[in-house]
Every structure is written in C-alpha cells, then in structure tokens.
C-alpha cells in the first residue's frame, strides 16, 4: 500500500467516523467538512477528478451546515 492509498483510506475513514458523530456536537460537522476536503484532495491527487469535485462540494455543504448549527447553539 503506497502513501497516497493510505492518505485516501485515512480521509474516507475520517469522513465515516465524523459523519456518524455529527449529532453529538456541531464540531463533528466541521470535522466532517475537513475530512471531505481531505477526500477531495485525494480524489484529485489520484486522478479521479469527479470524485475530487463531489467531495469538494460536500465540504462546502458541511461547512455551511456547521455554520448554521454553530449559530443555532448560541
């Protein structure tokens, strides 16, 4: 397993874990957005630009959801 594959495995695993924990805290929503950024980077680095593009969109959606959840909890 090369470093790029390990990076992708980490990114996707982080997405799974943080998505599962989103209801516990708005910080997990932000962490999910960050892991989507990592997944997007992985997609572009491996040459699968459609995957990278979709993950980039998911990261924007997650960060918007975090912003809304953050302002609701104040």
C-alpha atoms as a PDB file:
ATOM      1  CA  UNK A   1       0.000   0.000   0.000  1.00  0.00           C
ATOM      2  CA  UNK A   2       1.511   3.314  -1.048  1.00  0.00           C
ATOM      3  CA  UNK A   3       1.252   6.645   0.796  1.00  0.00           C
ATOM      4  CA  UNK A   4      -1.469   8.006  -1.469  1.00  0.00           C
ATOM      5  CA  UNK A   5      -3.677   4.986  -0.784  1.00  0.00           C
ATOM      6  CA  UNK A   6      -3.074   5.313   2.959  1.00  0.00           C
ATOM      7  CA  UNK A   7      -3.986   9.001   2.746  1.00  0.00           C
ATOM      8  CA  UNK A   8      -7.226   8.116   0.937  1.00  0.00           C
ATOM      9  CA  UNK A   9      -8.036   5.417   3.485  1.00  0.00           C
ATOM     10  CA  UNK A  10      -7.494   7.924   6.300  1.00  0.00           C
ATOM     11  CA  UNK A  11      -9.649  10.585   4.597  1.00  0.00           C
ATOM     12  CA  UNK A  12     -12.565   8.258   3.909  1.00  0.00           C
ATOM     13  CA  UNK A  13     -12.359   6.678   7.375  1.00  0.00           C
ATOM     14  CA  UNK A  14     -12.379  10.133   8.969  1.00  0.00           C
ATOM     15  CA  UNK A  15     -15.417  11.034   6.882  1.00  0.00           C
ATOM     16  CA  UNK A  16     -17.251   7.930   8.090  1.00  0.00           C
ATOM     17  CA  UNK A  17     -16.425   8.467  11.772  1.00  0.00           C
ATOM     18  CA  UNK A  18     -17.190  12.185  11.843  1.00  0.00           C
ATOM     19  CA  UNK A  19     -20.418  11.732   9.885  1.00  0.00           C
ATOM     20  CA  UNK A  20     -21.551   9.138  12.405  1.00  0.00           C
ATOM     21  CA  UNK A  21     -20.831  11.505  15.310  1.00  0.00           C
ATOM     22  CA  UNK A  22     -22.373  14.659  13.799  1.00  0.00           C
ATOM     23  CA  UNK A  23     -25.421  14.646  16.114  1.00  0.00           C
ATOM     24  CA  UNK A  24     -23.210  14.801  19.211  1.00  0.00           C
ATOM     25  CA  UNK A  25     -21.676  18.200  18.503  1.00  0.00           C
ATOM     26  CA  UNK A  26     -21.502  20.813  15.784  1.00  0.00           C
ATOM     27  CA  UNK A  27     -17.718  20.364  15.894  1.00  0.00           C
ATOM     28  CA  UNK A  28     -18.112  16.933  14.307  1.00  0.00           C
ATOM     29  CA  UNK A  29     -19.915  18.618  11.393  1.00  0.00           C
ATOM     30  CA  UNK A  30     -16.863  20.844  10.920  1.00  0.00           C
ATOM     31  CA  UNK A  31     -14.580  17.807  11.199  1.00  0.00           C
ATOM     32  CA  UNK A  32     -16.676  16.071   8.546  1.00  0.00           C
ATOM     33  CA  UNK A  33     -16.208  19.093   6.286  1.00  0.00           C
ATOM     34  CA  UNK A  34     -12.461  18.953   6.872  1.00  0.00           C
ATOM     35  CA  UNK A  35     -12.333  15.257   6.103  1.00  0.00           C
ATOM     36  CA  UNK A  36     -14.284  15.935   2.898  1.00  0.00           C
ATOM     37  CA  UNK A  37     -11.543  18.410   1.939  1.00  0.00           C
ATOM     38  CA  UNK A  38      -9.007  15.617   2.503  1.00  0.00           C
ATOM     39  CA  UNK A  39     -11.145  13.264   0.405  1.00  0.00           C
ATOM     40  CA  UNK A  40     -11.310  15.864  -2.335  1.00  0.00           C
ATOM     41  CA  UNK A  41      -7.537  16.278  -2.304  1.00  0.00           C
ATOM     42  CA  UNK A  42      -7.163  12.501  -2.507  1.00  0.00           C
ATOM     43  CA  UNK A  43      -9.522  12.336  -5.495  1.00  0.00           C
ATOM     44  CA  UNK A  44      -7.602  14.990  -7.404  1.00  0.00           C
ATOM     45  CA  UNK A  45      -4.207  13.505  -6.477  1.00  0.00           C
ATOM     46  CA  UNK A  46      -5.146  10.070  -7.743  1.00  0.00           C
ATOM     47  CA  UNK A  47      -6.576  11.489 -10.953  1.00  0.00           C
ATOM     48  CA  UNK A  48     -10.255  10.859 -10.200  1.00  0.00           C
ATOM     49  CA  UNK A  49     -11.348  14.476 -10.639  1.00  0.00           C
ATOM     50  CA  UNK A  50     -15.113  13.719 -10.496  1.00  0.00           C
ATOM     51  CA  UNK A  51     -14.626  12.235  -7.015  1.00  0.00           C
ATOM     52  CA  UNK A  52     -12.499  15.208  -6.011  1.00  0.00           C
ATOM     53  CA  UNK A  53     -15.112  17.616  -7.296  1.00  0.00           C
ATOM     54  CA  UNK A  54     -18.007  15.919  -5.497  1.00  0.00           C
ATOM     55  CA  UNK A  55     -16.061  15.763  -2.240  1.00  0.00           C
ATOM     56  CA  UNK A  56     -15.261  19.460  -2.611  1.00  0.00           C
ATOM     57  CA  UNK A  57     -18.962  20.233  -2.918  1.00  0.00           C
ATOM     58  CA  UNK A  58     -19.698  18.065   0.134  1.00  0.00           C
ATOM     59  CA  UNK A  59     -17.110  20.006   2.112  1.00  0.00           C
ATOM     60  CA  UNK A  60     -18.828  23.308   1.250  1.00  0.00           C
ATOM     61  CA  UNK A  61     -22.211  21.867   2.255  1.00  0.00           C
ATOM     62  CA  UNK A  62     -20.800  20.532   5.538  1.00  0.00           C
ATOM     63  CA  UNK A  63     -19.127  23.824   6.434  1.00  0.00           C
ATOM     64  CA  UNK A  64     -22.383  25.668   5.725  1.00  0.00           C
ATOM     65  CA  UNK A  65     -24.248  23.185   7.943  1.00  0.00           C
ATOM     66  CA  UNK A  66     -21.635  23.725  10.675  1.00  0.00           C
ATOM     67  CA  UNK A  67     -22.055  27.498  10.438  1.00  0.00           C
ATOM     68  CA  UNK A  68     -25.824  27.161  10.806  1.00  0.00           C
ATOM     69  CA  UNK A  69     -25.539  24.679  13.690  1.00  0.00           C
ATOM     70  CA  UNK A  70     -22.993  26.911  15.416  1.00  0.00           C
ATOM     71  CA  UNK A  71     -25.218  29.958  15.279  1.00  0.00           C
ATOM     72  CA  UNK A  72     -28.237  27.929  16.485  1.00  0.00           C
ATOM     73  CA  UNK A  73     -26.365  26.734  19.573  1.00  0.00           C
ATOM     74  CA  UNK A  74     -25.558  30.296  20.722  1.00  0.00           C
END
